[in-house]
């Protein structure tokens, strides 16, 4: 198990990146839900962020790959546009334990 951060540290409409026992991951809070994905583009296998903790497009509505601009749905991880269209980001199982986002897989 890896504790990422307190759930309250992840503000609405933001993302945070972490190193974990399953490799690099990131968490996003969107519509008051938390989503955690492996930080790996399904097209090239590269990390997604532009800068540290910047995984979202300019409107904060989609996850965006910094390498080729692919756009992914925050709630499903499915690629909506770009060279990996139809593929998905890999979800990471987590639980909120003592107010911490904790990876359980």
N, C-alpha and C. Protein backbone atom coordinates (compact mmCIF):
# COMPACT_ATOMS: atom_id res chain seq x y z
N UNK A 1 0.84 -1.19 0.00
CA UNK A 1 0.00 0.00 0.00
C UNK A 1 0.88 1.25 0.00
N UNK A 2 0.42 2.26 -0.71
CA UNK A 2 1.12 3.54 -0.75
C UNK A 2 0.13 4.65 -0.45
N UNK A 3 0.43 5.46 0.57
CA UNK A 3 -0.35 6.67 0.83
C UNK A 3 0.13 7.75 -0.12
N UNK A 4 -0.80 8.34 -0.87
CA UNK A 4 -0.41 9.40 -1.81
C UNK A 4 -0.43 10.76 -1.14
N UNK A 5 -1.58 11.12 -0.56
CA UNK A 5 -1.73 12.42 0.11
C UNK A 5 -3.06 12.40 0.85
N UNK A 6 -3.31 13.43 1.64
CA UNK A 6 -4.63 13.58 2.23
C UNK A 6 -5.61 13.89 1.12
N UNK A 7 -6.79 13.33 1.21
CA UNK A 7 -7.82 13.60 0.20
C UNK A 7 -8.12 15.09 0.12
N UNK A 8 -8.03 15.77 1.25
CA UNK A 8 -8.32 17.21 1.27
C UNK A 8 -7.22 18.04 0.61
N UNK A 9 -6.04 17.45 0.38
CA UNK A 9 -4.95 18.15 -0.31
C UNK A 9 -5.18 18.22 -1.82
N UNK A 10 -6.11 17.41 -2.32
CA UNK A 10 -6.41 17.38 -3.75
C UNK A 10 -7.66 18.22 -3.98
N UNK A 11 -7.47 19.47 -4.40
CA UNK A 11 -8.58 20.41 -4.58
C UNK A 11 -9.37 20.08 -5.84
N UNK A 12 -10.61 20.49 -5.86
CA UNK A 12 -11.48 20.30 -7.02
C UNK A 12 -10.83 20.89 -8.27
N UNK A 13 -10.82 20.11 -9.36
CA UNK A 13 -10.28 20.59 -10.63
C UNK A 13 -8.77 20.61 -10.71
N UNK A 14 -8.11 19.87 -9.81
CA UNK A 14 -6.64 19.82 -9.83
C UNK A 14 -6.16 18.38 -9.93
N UNK A 15 -4.86 18.25 -10.19
CA UNK A 15 -4.21 16.94 -10.28
C UNK A 15 -2.88 17.00 -9.54
N UNK A 16 -2.46 15.84 -9.04
CA UNK A 16 -1.18 15.72 -8.36
C UNK A 16 -0.51 14.43 -8.80
N UNK A 17 0.79 14.47 -9.03
CA UNK A 17 1.55 13.29 -9.41
C UNK A 17 2.33 12.74 -8.23
N UNK A 18 2.57 11.41 -8.26
CA UNK A 18 3.24 10.73 -7.15
C UNK A 18 4.07 9.57 -7.69
N UNK A 19 5.10 9.20 -6.93
CA UNK A 19 5.79 7.94 -7.14
C UNK A 19 5.18 6.96 -6.16
N UNK A 20 4.97 5.73 -6.60
CA UNK A 20 4.32 4.74 -5.75
C UNK A 20 4.94 3.37 -5.97
N UNK A 21 4.44 2.39 -5.24
CA UNK A 21 4.94 1.02 -5.39
C UNK A 21 4.55 0.42 -6.74
N UNK A 22 3.62 1.04 -7.47
CA UNK A 22 3.27 0.57 -8.82
C UNK A 22 3.86 1.47 -9.91
N UNK A 23 4.75 2.38 -9.51
CA UNK A 23 5.36 3.31 -10.45
C UNK A 23 4.71 4.68 -10.34
N UNK A 24 4.98 5.58 -11.30
CA UNK A 24 4.40 6.92 -11.26
C UNK A 24 2.89 6.86 -11.50
N UNK A 25 2.15 7.60 -10.67
CA UNK A 25 0.70 7.68 -10.78
C UNK A 25 0.30 9.15 -10.61
N UNK A 26 -0.97 9.44 -10.92
CA UNK A 26 -1.49 10.77 -10.63
C UNK A 26 -2.94 10.65 -10.21
N UNK A 27 -3.36 11.62 -9.42
CA UNK A 27 -4.74 11.68 -8.93
C UNK A 27 -5.37 12.98 -9.42
N UNK A 28 -6.66 12.90 -9.71
CA UNK A 28 -7.43 14.06 -10.16
C UNK A 28 -8.72 14.11 -9.35
N UNK A 29 -9.10 15.31 -8.92
CA UNK A 29 -10.43 15.49 -8.32
C UNK A 29 -11.27 16.26 -9.34
N UNK A 30 -12.39 15.65 -9.73
CA UNK A 30 -13.27 16.22 -10.75
C UNK A 30 -14.70 15.91 -10.37
N UNK A 31 -15.56 16.92 -10.34
CA UNK A 31 -16.95 16.77 -9.90
C UNK A 31 -17.00 16.09 -8.54
N UNK A 32 -16.08 16.47 -7.67
CA UNK A 32 -15.97 15.99 -6.29
C UNK A 32 -15.71 14.49 -6.19
N UNK A 33 -15.23 13.88 -7.26
CA UNK A 33 -14.80 12.48 -7.25
C UNK A 33 -13.29 12.45 -7.45
N UNK A 34 -12.65 11.43 -6.93
CA UNK A 34 -11.20 11.26 -7.09
C UNK A 34 -10.95 10.09 -8.04
N UNK A 35 -10.01 10.30 -8.95
CA UNK A 35 -9.60 9.28 -9.91
C UNK A 35 -8.09 9.16 -9.84
N UNK A 36 -7.58 7.93 -9.91
CA UNK A 36 -6.14 7.69 -9.89
C UNK A 36 -5.78 6.82 -11.09
N UNK A 37 -4.76 7.25 -11.83
CA UNK A 37 -4.30 6.54 -13.02
C UNK A 37 -2.78 6.39 -12.98
N UNK A 38 -2.28 5.37 -13.70
CA UNK A 38 -0.84 5.29 -13.92
C UNK A 38 -0.45 6.46 -14.80
N UNK A 39 0.69 7.04 -14.54
CA UNK A 39 1.19 8.18 -15.31
C UNK A 39 1.93 7.64 -16.53
N UNK A 40 1.15 7.13 -17.49
CA UNK A 40 1.74 6.52 -18.68
C UNK A 40 0.76 6.63 -19.84
N UNK A 41 1.20 7.29 -20.90
CA UNK A 41 0.38 7.40 -22.11
C UNK A 41 0.29 6.04 -22.78
N UNK A 42 -0.91 5.58 -23.16
CA UNK A 42 -1.02 4.28 -23.83
C UNK A 42 -0.41 4.25 -25.23
N UNK A 43 -0.12 5.41 -25.80
CA UNK A 43 0.45 5.47 -27.15
C UNK A 43 1.96 5.26 -27.13
N UNK A 44 2.67 6.05 -26.32
CA UNK A 44 4.13 6.00 -26.31
C UNK A 44 4.74 5.51 -25.00
N UNK A 45 3.92 5.35 -23.97
CA UNK A 45 4.43 4.91 -22.68
C UNK A 45 5.16 6.00 -21.90
N UNK A 46 5.05 7.26 -22.34
CA UNK A 46 5.72 8.37 -21.67
C UNK A 46 4.83 8.94 -20.57
N UNK A 47 5.45 9.68 -19.64
CA UNK A 47 4.66 10.38 -18.63
C UNK A 47 3.81 11.45 -19.31
N UNK A 48 2.68 11.77 -18.70
CA UNK A 48 1.68 12.64 -19.32
C UNK A 48 1.86 14.13 -19.05
N UNK A 49 2.38 14.50 -17.88
CA UNK A 49 2.31 15.89 -17.43
C UNK A 49 3.23 16.84 -18.21
N UNK A 50 2.74 18.11 -18.29
CA UNK A 50 3.52 19.19 -18.90
C UNK A 50 4.60 19.63 -17.94
N UNK A 51 4.20 19.93 -16.73
CA UNK A 51 5.07 20.31 -15.63
C UNK A 51 4.59 19.53 -14.42
N UNK A 52 5.33 19.60 -13.35
CA UNK A 52 4.94 18.87 -12.15
C UNK A 52 3.48 19.14 -11.80
N UNK A 53 2.71 18.07 -11.64
CA UNK A 53 1.30 18.11 -11.23
C UNK A 53 0.36 18.74 -12.26
N UNK A 54 0.79 18.93 -13.50
CA UNK A 54 -0.06 19.51 -14.55
C UNK A 54 -0.46 18.42 -15.56
N UNK A 55 -1.58 17.78 -15.27
CA UNK A 55 -2.08 16.68 -16.11
C UNK A 55 -3.32 17.06 -16.90
N UNK A 56 -3.92 18.21 -16.62
CA UNK A 56 -5.19 18.57 -17.21
C UNK A 56 -5.03 19.59 -18.33
N UNK A 57 -6.02 19.62 -19.23
CA UNK A 57 -6.02 20.63 -20.29
C UNK A 57 -6.28 22.00 -19.69
N UNK A 58 -6.22 23.04 -20.50
CA UNK A 58 -6.34 24.41 -20.00
C UNK A 58 -7.69 24.70 -19.37
N UNK A 59 -8.73 23.96 -19.74
CA UNK A 59 -10.06 24.15 -19.14
C UNK A 59 -10.27 23.28 -17.91
N UNK A 60 -9.35 22.37 -17.62
CA UNK A 60 -9.47 21.48 -16.48
C UNK A 60 -10.57 20.44 -16.65
N UNK A 61 -10.92 20.13 -17.91
CA UNK A 61 -12.01 19.20 -18.18
C UNK A 61 -11.54 17.84 -18.67
N UNK A 62 -10.29 17.75 -19.14
CA UNK A 62 -9.75 16.52 -19.70
C UNK A 62 -8.30 16.34 -19.26
N UNK A 63 -7.85 15.10 -19.24
CA UNK A 63 -6.44 14.80 -19.03
C UNK A 63 -5.76 14.93 -20.39
N UNK A 64 -4.60 15.58 -20.42
CA UNK A 64 -3.93 15.81 -21.70
C UNK A 64 -2.50 15.30 -21.65
N UNK A 65 -2.09 14.59 -22.70
CA UNK A 65 -0.71 14.13 -22.82
C UNK A 65 0.15 15.27 -23.35
N UNK A 66 1.22 15.56 -22.66
CA UNK A 66 2.09 16.67 -23.06
C UNK A 66 2.90 16.34 -24.32
N UNK A 67 3.08 15.07 -24.64
CA UNK A 67 3.91 14.69 -25.78
C UNK A 67 3.21 14.90 -27.11
N UNK A 68 1.96 14.46 -27.22
CA UNK A 68 1.28 14.57 -28.51
C UNK A 68 -0.13 15.13 -28.41
N UNK A 69 -0.52 15.61 -27.23
CA UNK A 69 -1.79 16.31 -27.08
C UNK A 69 -3.03 15.44 -26.98
N UNK A 70 -2.86 14.12 -26.87
CA UNK A 70 -4.03 13.25 -26.73
C UNK A 70 -4.86 13.70 -25.53
N UNK A 71 -6.18 13.58 -25.65
CA UNK A 71 -7.09 13.99 -24.59
C UNK A 71 -7.85 12.78 -24.06
N UNK A 72 -7.94 12.69 -22.74
CA UNK A 72 -8.56 11.56 -22.07
C UNK A 72 -9.68 12.04 -21.15
N UNK A 73 -10.75 11.27 -21.08
CA UNK A 73 -11.83 11.53 -20.15
C UNK A 73 -11.32 11.35 -18.72
N UNK A 74 -11.64 12.28 -17.84
CA UNK A 74 -11.18 12.17 -16.46
C UNK A 74 -11.85 10.99 -15.77
N UNK A 75 -13.14 10.80 -15.98
CA UNK A 75 -13.85 9.76 -15.22
C UNK A 75 -13.62 8.34 -15.73
N UNK A 76 -13.27 8.17 -17.00
CA UNK A 76 -13.07 6.81 -17.52
C UNK A 76 -11.64 6.53 -17.94
N UNK A 77 -10.85 7.58 -18.22
CA UNK A 77 -9.50 7.41 -18.72
C UNK A 77 -9.43 7.11 -20.20
N UNK A 78 -10.58 7.04 -20.86
CA UNK A 78 -10.62 6.70 -22.29
C UNK A 78 -10.09 7.85 -23.14
N UNK A 79 -9.27 7.53 -24.14
CA UNK A 79 -8.73 8.54 -25.05
C UNK A 79 -9.84 8.98 -26.00
N UNK A 80 -10.08 10.29 -26.02
CA UNK A 80 -11.14 10.86 -26.84
C UNK A 80 -10.63 11.43 -28.15
N UNK A 81 -9.35 11.84 -28.17
CA UNK A 81 -8.75 12.33 -29.40
C UNK A 81 -7.24 12.18 -29.32
N UNK A 82 -6.64 12.01 -30.49
CA UNK A 82 -5.19 11.82 -30.56
C UNK A 82 -4.85 10.44 -31.09
N UNK A 83 -3.56 10.13 -31.17
CA UNK A 83 -3.12 8.89 -31.80
C UNK A 83 -3.50 7.62 -31.04
N UNK A 84 -3.91 7.73 -29.81
CA UNK A 84 -4.29 6.53 -29.04
C UNK A 84 -5.81 6.45 -28.86
N UNK A 85 -6.56 7.11 -29.74
CA UNK A 85 -8.02 7.13 -29.64
C UNK A 85 -8.56 5.71 -29.52
N UNK A 86 -9.44 5.52 -28.53
CA UNK A 86 -10.01 4.21 -28.26
C UNK A 86 -9.30 3.46 -27.15
N UNK A 87 -8.02 3.79 -26.90
CA UNK A 87 -7.28 3.20 -25.78
C UNK A 87 -7.66 3.95 -24.50
N UNK A 88 -7.17 3.46 -23.38
CA UNK A 88 -7.48 4.09 -22.09
C UNK A 88 -6.26 4.13 -21.21
N UNK A 89 -6.26 5.10 -20.31
CA UNK A 89 -5.27 5.13 -19.24
C UNK A 89 -5.56 3.97 -18.30
N UNK A 90 -4.57 3.55 -17.55
CA UNK A 90 -4.73 2.44 -16.61
C UNK A 90 -5.15 2.98 -15.25
N UNK A 91 -6.36 2.60 -14.82
CA UNK A 91 -6.85 3.00 -13.50
C UNK A 91 -6.07 2.26 -12.42
N UNK A 92 -5.90 2.93 -11.29
CA UNK A 92 -5.22 2.34 -10.14
C UNK A 92 -6.23 2.30 -8.99
N UNK A 93 -6.37 1.13 -8.39
CA UNK A 93 -7.30 0.98 -7.27
C UNK A 93 -6.79 1.72 -6.05
N UNK A 94 -7.71 2.39 -5.37
CA UNK A 94 -7.35 3.12 -4.16
C UNK A 94 -8.54 3.13 -3.21
N UNK A 95 -8.25 3.47 -1.97
CA UNK A 95 -9.28 3.69 -0.96
C UNK A 95 -8.90 4.94 -0.19
N UNK A 96 -9.89 5.56 0.41
CA UNK A 96 -9.62 6.66 1.34
C UNK A 96 -9.52 6.03 2.72
N UNK A 97 -8.33 6.04 3.28
CA UNK A 97 -8.08 5.45 4.60
C UNK A 97 -7.53 6.54 5.51
N UNK A 98 -8.25 6.81 6.58
CA UNK A 98 -7.86 7.89 7.51
C UNK A 98 -7.60 9.19 6.76
N UNK A 99 -8.50 9.54 5.84
CA UNK A 99 -8.46 10.74 5.02
C UNK A 99 -7.27 10.79 4.05
N UNK A 100 -6.61 9.68 3.81
CA UNK A 100 -5.52 9.63 2.84
C UNK A 100 -5.93 8.80 1.61
N UNK A 101 -5.56 9.29 0.43
CA UNK A 101 -5.72 8.50 -0.78
C UNK A 101 -4.64 7.44 -0.73
N UNK A 102 -5.06 6.18 -0.65
CA UNK A 102 -4.13 5.08 -0.43
C UNK A 102 -4.30 4.03 -1.51
N UNK A 103 -3.23 3.72 -2.23
CA UNK A 103 -3.27 2.68 -3.24
C UNK A 103 -3.37 1.33 -2.55
N UNK A 104 -4.23 0.47 -3.07
CA UNK A 104 -4.46 -0.82 -2.41
C UNK A 104 -4.01 -2.00 -3.25
N UNK A 105 -3.60 -1.77 -4.47
CA UNK A 105 -3.17 -2.90 -5.32
C UNK A 105 -1.66 -3.04 -5.33
